[in-house]
Amino acid sequence: MELFLILKILFIIGAIVAIYAVLRNLDIIKIILIYVKDTLLKK
């Protein structure tokens, strides 16, 4: 039971870090998506 609690806490911390990283890099992700879209539509 204790192990499950530790894993749940680690998962919540990991999710918060992942969301923070995505929010910090939204502009970079947008640039990459625009580049991929342009390269696919050129063909």
N, C-alpha and C. Protein backbone atom coordinates (compact mmCIF):
# COMPACT_ATOMS: atom_id res chain seq x y z
N MET A 1 0.84 -1.20 0.00
CA MET A 1 0.00 0.00 0.00
C MET A 1 0.88 1.26 0.00
N GLU A 2 1.95 1.19 0.77
CA GLU A 2 2.84 2.36 0.85
C GLU A 2 3.54 2.60 -0.49
N LEU A 3 3.92 1.51 -1.16
CA LEU A 3 4.57 1.63 -2.45
C LEU A 3 3.64 2.28 -3.46
N PHE A 4 2.35 1.90 -3.42
CA PHE A 4 1.36 2.49 -4.33
C PHE A 4 1.24 3.99 -4.10
N LEU A 5 1.26 4.41 -2.84
CA LEU A 5 1.18 5.84 -2.52
C LEU A 5 2.39 6.59 -3.05
N ILE A 6 3.58 6.00 -2.89
CA ILE A 6 4.80 6.64 -3.39
C ILE A 6 4.75 6.75 -4.91
N LEU A 7 4.31 5.70 -5.59
CA LEU A 7 4.22 5.74 -7.04
C LEU A 7 3.22 6.78 -7.51
N LYS A 8 2.11 6.90 -6.79
CA LYS A 8 1.10 7.90 -7.16
C LYS A 8 1.66 9.31 -7.00
N ILE A 9 2.39 9.56 -5.94
CA ILE A 9 2.98 10.89 -5.72
C ILE A 9 4.00 11.19 -6.82
N LEU A 10 4.83 10.20 -7.16
CA LEU A 10 5.82 10.41 -8.22
C LEU A 10 5.14 10.67 -9.56
N PHE A 11 4.03 9.98 -9.82
CA PHE A 11 3.31 10.19 -11.08
C PHE A 11 2.73 11.60 -11.13
N ILE A 12 2.17 12.08 -10.03
CA ILE A 12 1.60 13.43 -9.99
C ILE A 12 2.70 14.48 -10.21
N ILE A 13 3.84 14.29 -9.56
CA ILE A 13 4.95 15.23 -9.74
C ILE A 13 5.43 15.21 -11.18
N GLY A 14 5.53 14.01 -11.77
CA GLY A 14 5.95 13.90 -13.16
C GLY A 14 4.97 14.57 -14.10
N ALA A 15 3.68 14.43 -13.83
CA ALA A 15 2.67 15.06 -14.68
C ALA A 15 2.76 16.58 -14.60
N ILE A 16 2.97 17.11 -13.39
CA ILE A 16 3.09 18.56 -13.23
C ILE A 16 4.32 19.08 -13.98
N VAL A 17 5.44 18.37 -13.88
CA VAL A 17 6.66 18.78 -14.58
C VAL A 17 6.45 18.73 -16.09
N ALA A 18 5.77 17.69 -16.57
CA ALA A 18 5.52 17.56 -18.01
C ALA A 18 4.63 18.69 -18.51
N ILE A 19 3.56 19.01 -17.77
CA ILE A 19 2.66 20.10 -18.18
C ILE A 19 3.42 21.43 -18.19
N TYR A 20 4.26 21.65 -17.17
CA TYR A 20 5.05 22.88 -17.12
C TYR A 20 5.99 22.97 -18.32
N ALA A 21 6.64 21.85 -18.66
CA ALA A 21 7.57 21.86 -19.79
C ALA A 21 6.83 22.15 -21.09
N VAL A 22 5.64 21.56 -21.27
CA VAL A 22 4.87 21.80 -22.49
C VAL A 22 4.44 23.27 -22.56
N LEU A 23 3.99 23.83 -21.45
CA LEU A 23 3.55 25.23 -21.46
C LEU A 23 4.72 26.17 -21.73
N ARG A 24 5.91 25.84 -21.24
CA ARG A 24 7.09 26.68 -21.49
C ARG A 24 7.51 26.63 -22.95
N ASN A 25 7.25 25.50 -23.63
CA ASN A 25 7.76 25.31 -24.99
C ASN A 25 6.66 25.36 -26.04
N LEU A 26 5.52 25.98 -25.74
CA LEU A 26 4.42 26.00 -26.69
C LEU A 26 4.81 26.70 -27.99
N ASP A 27 5.57 27.79 -27.88
CA ASP A 27 5.95 28.51 -29.10
C ASP A 27 6.88 27.66 -29.96
N ILE A 28 7.78 26.91 -29.34
CA ILE A 28 8.67 26.03 -30.11
C ILE A 28 7.86 24.93 -30.78
N ILE A 29 6.89 24.37 -30.06
CA ILE A 29 6.05 23.31 -30.62
C ILE A 29 5.25 23.86 -31.80
N LYS A 30 4.75 25.09 -31.69
CA LYS A 30 3.99 25.69 -32.80
C LYS A 30 4.88 25.85 -34.03
N ILE A 31 6.12 26.30 -33.85
CA ILE A 31 7.04 26.48 -34.98
C ILE A 31 7.30 25.14 -35.65
N ILE A 32 7.53 24.09 -34.85
CA ILE A 32 7.78 22.76 -35.41
C ILE A 32 6.56 22.27 -36.18
N LEU A 33 5.35 22.47 -35.64
CA LEU A 33 4.15 22.01 -36.32
C LEU A 33 3.94 22.75 -37.63
N ILE A 34 4.20 24.06 -37.64
CA ILE A 34 4.06 24.84 -38.88
C ILE A 34 5.07 24.34 -39.91
N TYR A 35 6.30 24.06 -39.49
CA TYR A 35 7.32 23.56 -40.41
C TYR A 35 6.92 22.21 -41.00
N VAL A 36 6.43 21.31 -40.15
CA VAL A 36 6.01 19.98 -40.63
C VAL A 36 4.84 20.12 -41.60
N LYS A 37 3.88 20.99 -41.27
CA LYS A 37 2.73 21.18 -42.15
C LYS A 37 3.17 21.73 -43.52
N ASP A 38 4.09 22.69 -43.52
CA ASP A 38 4.56 23.26 -44.77
C ASP A 38 5.30 22.23 -45.61
N THR A 39 6.14 21.41 -44.97
CA THR A 39 6.87 20.42 -45.74
C THR A 39 5.94 19.35 -46.30
N LEU A 40 4.88 19.00 -45.56
CA LEU A 40 3.94 17.99 -46.07
C LEU A 40 3.11 18.54 -47.21
N LEU A 41 2.73 19.82 -47.14
CA LEU A 41 1.87 20.39 -48.17
C LEU A 41 2.63 20.74 -49.45
N LYS A 42 3.97 20.86 -49.37
CA LYS A 42 4.75 21.17 -50.57
C LYS A 42 4.78 20.01 -51.55
N LYS A 43 4.64 18.79 -51.04
CA LYS A 43 4.74 17.60 -51.92
C LYS A 43 3.54 17.47 -52.81
